[in-house]
Protein backbone atom coordinates (compact mmCIF):
# COMPACT_ATOMS: atom_id res chain seq x y z
CA UNK A 1 -3.56 -15.99 20.18
CA UNK A 2 -1.17 -18.48 18.52
CA UNK A 3 2.75 -17.73 18.18
CA UNK A 4 2.38 -18.21 14.76
CA UNK A 5 -0.63 -15.90 14.80
CA UNK A 6 1.57 -13.06 17.41
CA UNK A 7 4.10 -13.70 14.94
CA UNK A 8 2.06 -12.71 11.73
CA UNK A 9 0.59 -9.61 13.91
CA UNK A 10 4.26 -8.88 14.84
CA UNK A 11 5.18 -8.82 11.22
CA UNK A 12 1.96 -6.93 9.80
CA UNK A 13 2.95 -4.36 12.37
CA UNK A 14 6.21 -3.87 11.86
CA UNK A 15 5.60 -2.84 7.99
CA UNK A 16 3.00 -1.36 8.31
CA UNK A 17 5.03 0.93 10.93
CA UNK A 18 7.89 1.11 8.26
CA UNK A 19 6.19 2.51 5.89
CA UNK A 20 3.93 5.25 8.22
CA UNK A 21 7.31 5.98 9.18
CA UNK A 22 8.78 6.94 5.38
CA UNK A 23 5.69 8.81 4.51
CA UNK A 24 4.29 10.22 6.82
CA UNK A 25 5.51 14.11 7.23
CA UNK A 26 7.12 17.00 4.84
CA UNK A 27 9.34 15.48 2.98
CA UNK A 28 6.62 11.31 2.89
CA UNK A 29 3.67 14.03 1.23
CA UNK A 30 6.59 15.47 -1.40
CA UNK A 31 7.21 11.81 -2.64
CA UNK A 32 3.90 10.89 -2.41
CA UNK A 33 2.94 13.44 -4.14
CA UNK A 34 5.80 13.04 -6.83
CA UNK A 35 4.73 9.20 -6.52
CA UNK A 36 1.42 10.11 -7.26
CA UNK A 37 2.07 12.14 -10.43
CA UNK A 38 4.59 9.68 -11.70
CA UNK A 39 2.63 6.52 -11.12
CA UNK A 40 -1.04 7.68 -12.73
CA UNK A 41 -2.97 6.79 -9.92
CA UNK A 42 -6.20 8.47 -10.32
CA UNK A 43 -6.21 8.89 -14.59
CA UNK A 44 -7.68 6.37 -16.41
CA UNK A 45 -5.74 4.49 -18.91
CA UNK A 46 -7.79 4.41 -21.71
CA UNK A 47 -7.28 1.74 -23.84
CA UNK A 48 -5.20 0.64 -26.57
CA UNK A 49 -1.23 -1.35 -26.58
CA UNK A 50 -2.33 -4.03 -23.92
CA UNK A 51 1.89 -4.21 -22.15
CA UNK A 52 1.09 -0.30 -22.24
CA UNK A 53 -1.39 -0.56 -20.19
CA UNK A 54 0.03 -3.41 -18.35
CA UNK A 55 2.16 -0.70 -16.97
CA UNK A 56 0.42 1.75 -16.29
CA UNK A 57 -1.71 -0.37 -14.42
CA UNK A 58 1.81 -1.93 -12.01
CA UNK A 59 3.13 1.60 -11.50
CA UNK A 60 -0.62 2.57 -10.04
CA UNK A 61 -1.06 -0.50 -8.11
CA UNK A 62 3.18 0.08 -6.60
CA UNK A 63 2.11 3.52 -5.67
CA UNK A 64 -2.05 2.67 -3.91
CA UNK A 65 -0.43 -0.34 -2.43
CA UNK A 66 2.33 2.35 -0.56
CA UNK A 67 -0.58 4.99 0.13
CA UNK A 68 -2.94 2.54 1.14
CA UNK A 69 0.14 0.65 4.41
CA UNK A 70 1.39 4.64 5.09
CA UNK A 71 -2.00 5.84 6.13
CA UNK A 72 -3.33 2.15 7.66
CA UNK A 73 -5.67 2.91 11.40
CA UNK A 74 -4.50 0.71 14.20
CA UNK A 75 -8.69 -1.02 12.91
CA UNK A 76 -7.71 -1.29 9.34
CA UNK A 77 -4.17 -3.60 10.43
CA UNK A 78 -6.46 -5.62 13.13
CA UNK A 79 -9.48 -6.21 10.63
CA UNK A 80 -6.50 -7.42 8.06
CA UNK A 81 -4.81 -8.97 10.48
CA UNK A 82 -8.23 -11.18 12.04
CA UNK A 83 -9.79 -11.95 8.61
CA UNK A 84 -5.85 -13.28 7.51
CA UNK A 85 -5.53 -11.29 4.28
CA UNK A 86 -2.68 -9.05 3.53
CA UNK A 87 -2.94 -5.42 2.28
CA UNK A 88 -4.23 -7.26 -1.48
CA UNK A 89 -6.99 -8.37 0.58
CA UNK A 90 -6.18 -12.38 -0.28
């Protein structure tokens, strides 16, 4: 494994572990529940005002990123690193 690959691997692991540390446990679960409600993460956004729709979709995406990183297991993390992707699939 190259030095760059190893640094990237450590960066991904450190980032995932930081999200886990913040959002696991009773306090983290309460914060995630509050963010889920605020971000309307599981509510369909009705068509209409385009700027309002974009705003709501932005809130939803932030929540999904936090949730994804906080819940990411080692296997998924390894796949992302091996495939050269980031958490957004790119």
